[in-house]
């Protein structure tokens, strides 16, 4: 069962890694579409992979410059927060230290 869990996690990480790609930061998209909340959420989730890719390829960015503003930013921050557990991770750490005292 434990092996299945790790295999599933590895498969999900590979799937998310496939989403990281080049970011054209100079030209406006041809179709006029800009990134919204859902794209921001996805980009927040794949930040670790995009960041590693950007170390080797300067055309890969971790943030979509052609976005619709606040909603993209909100989705991006939600995606980033879900990687580290958000505020729940910090809260559970303080509760554990209080229980030990």
Protein backbone atom coordinates (compact mmCIF):
# COMPACT_ATOMS: atom_id res chain seq x y z
CA UNK A 1 0.00 0.00 0.00
CA UNK A 2 2.83 2.36 0.86
CA UNK A 3 4.53 1.69 -2.49
CA UNK A 4 1.29 2.49 -4.31
CA UNK A 5 1.06 5.81 -2.46
CA UNK A 6 4.61 6.79 -3.45
CA UNK A 7 4.04 5.71 -7.04
CA UNK A 8 0.91 7.88 -7.19
CA UNK A 9 2.77 10.89 -5.78
CA UNK A 10 5.61 10.39 -8.28
CA UNK A 11 3.13 10.14 -11.15
CA UNK A 12 1.40 13.37 -10.07
CA UNK A 13 4.73 15.19 -9.81
CA UNK A 14 5.68 14.07 -13.31
CA UNK A 15 2.29 15.18 -14.60
CA UNK A 16 2.71 18.63 -13.06
CA UNK A 17 6.29 18.87 -14.35
CA UNK A 18 4.95 18.47 -17.87
CA UNK A 19 2.96 21.68 -17.45
CA UNK A 20 6.03 23.89 -17.06
CA UNK A 21 6.99 25.48 -20.35
CA UNK A 22 8.33 28.56 -22.09
CA UNK A 23 6.87 31.94 -21.23
CA UNK A 24 7.01 34.57 -23.94
CA UNK A 25 7.44 37.73 -21.89
CA UNK A 26 7.75 40.18 -24.79
CA UNK A 27 4.83 39.65 -27.13
CA UNK A 28 1.14 39.90 -26.33
CA UNK A 29 -0.71 36.65 -27.09
CA UNK A 30 -1.98 36.50 -30.67
CA UNK A 31 -5.48 35.39 -29.66
CA UNK A 32 -5.73 38.17 -27.06
CA UNK A 33 -6.38 35.69 -24.25
CA UNK A 34 -4.88 36.42 -20.86
CA UNK A 35 -4.33 34.09 -17.93
CA UNK A 36 -7.04 34.10 -15.25
CA UNK A 37 -7.63 32.47 -11.88
CA UNK A 38 -7.35 28.83 -13.01
CA UNK A 39 -4.12 29.45 -14.89
CA UNK A 40 -2.77 31.28 -11.85
CA UNK A 41 -3.67 28.32 -9.64
CA UNK A 42 -1.91 25.91 -12.00
CA UNK A 43 1.13 28.15 -12.27
CA UNK A 44 1.31 28.40 -8.48
CA UNK A 45 1.23 24.61 -8.21
CA UNK A 46 4.01 24.06 -10.75
CA UNK A 47 6.34 26.80 -9.44
CA UNK A 48 9.03 24.34 -8.26
CA UNK A 49 9.22 22.73 -11.69
CA UNK A 50 9.09 26.05 -13.53
CA UNK A 51 11.82 27.45 -11.31
CA UNK A 52 14.13 24.49 -11.94
CA UNK A 53 13.43 24.76 -15.68
CA UNK A 54 14.15 28.49 -15.61
CA UNK A 55 17.62 27.77 -14.23
CA UNK A 56 18.50 25.96 -17.46
CA UNK A 57 16.35 27.79 -20.02
CA UNK A 58 15.89 31.57 -19.74
CA UNK A 59 12.69 31.47 -21.82
CA UNK A 60 10.85 29.65 -18.99
CA UNK A 61 9.21 31.94 -16.45
CA UNK A 62 7.46 31.10 -13.20
CA UNK A 63 4.84 33.83 -13.58
CA UNK A 64 2.59 34.59 -16.57
CA UNK A 65 3.09 38.23 -17.46
CA UNK A 66 -0.05 38.31 -19.63
CA UNK A 67 -2.66 37.93 -16.90
CA UNK A 68 -5.90 39.60 -15.88
CA UNK A 69 -4.51 41.05 -12.65
CA UNK A 70 -6.04 40.30 -9.27
CA UNK A 71 -7.71 37.00 -10.10
CA UNK A 72 -4.54 35.55 -11.60
CA UNK A 73 -2.54 36.74 -8.59
CA UNK A 74 -5.09 35.22 -6.20
CA UNK A 75 -4.93 31.87 -8.00
CA UNK A 76 -1.14 31.99 -8.05
CA UNK A 77 -0.96 32.61 -4.31
CA UNK A 78 -3.51 29.85 -3.63
CA UNK A 79 -1.39 27.44 -5.66
CA UNK A 80 1.75 28.47 -3.82
CA UNK A 81 0.03 28.13 -0.45
CA UNK A 82 -1.19 24.63 -1.21
CA UNK A 83 2.40 23.47 -1.78
CA UNK A 84 3.52 24.22 1.77
CA UNK A 85 0.30 23.32 3.51
CA UNK A 86 -0.77 26.94 3.84
CA UNK A 87 -1.64 28.30 7.26
CA UNK A 88 -2.66 24.87 8.54
CA UNK A 89 0.98 23.69 8.56
CA UNK A 90 2.05 26.59 10.75
CA UNK A 91 -0.91 26.15 13.05
CA UNK A 92 -0.39 22.43 13.60
CA UNK A 93 3.28 23.02 14.45
CA UNK A 94 2.43 25.42 17.28
CA UNK A 95 -0.22 23.10 18.68
CA UNK A 96 2.25 20.22 18.83
CA UNK A 97 4.77 22.32 20.72
CA UNK A 98 2.10 23.34 23.25
CA UNK A 99 1.14 19.71 23.81
CA UNK A 100 4.74 18.77 24.65
CA UNK A 101 5.01 21.50 27.30
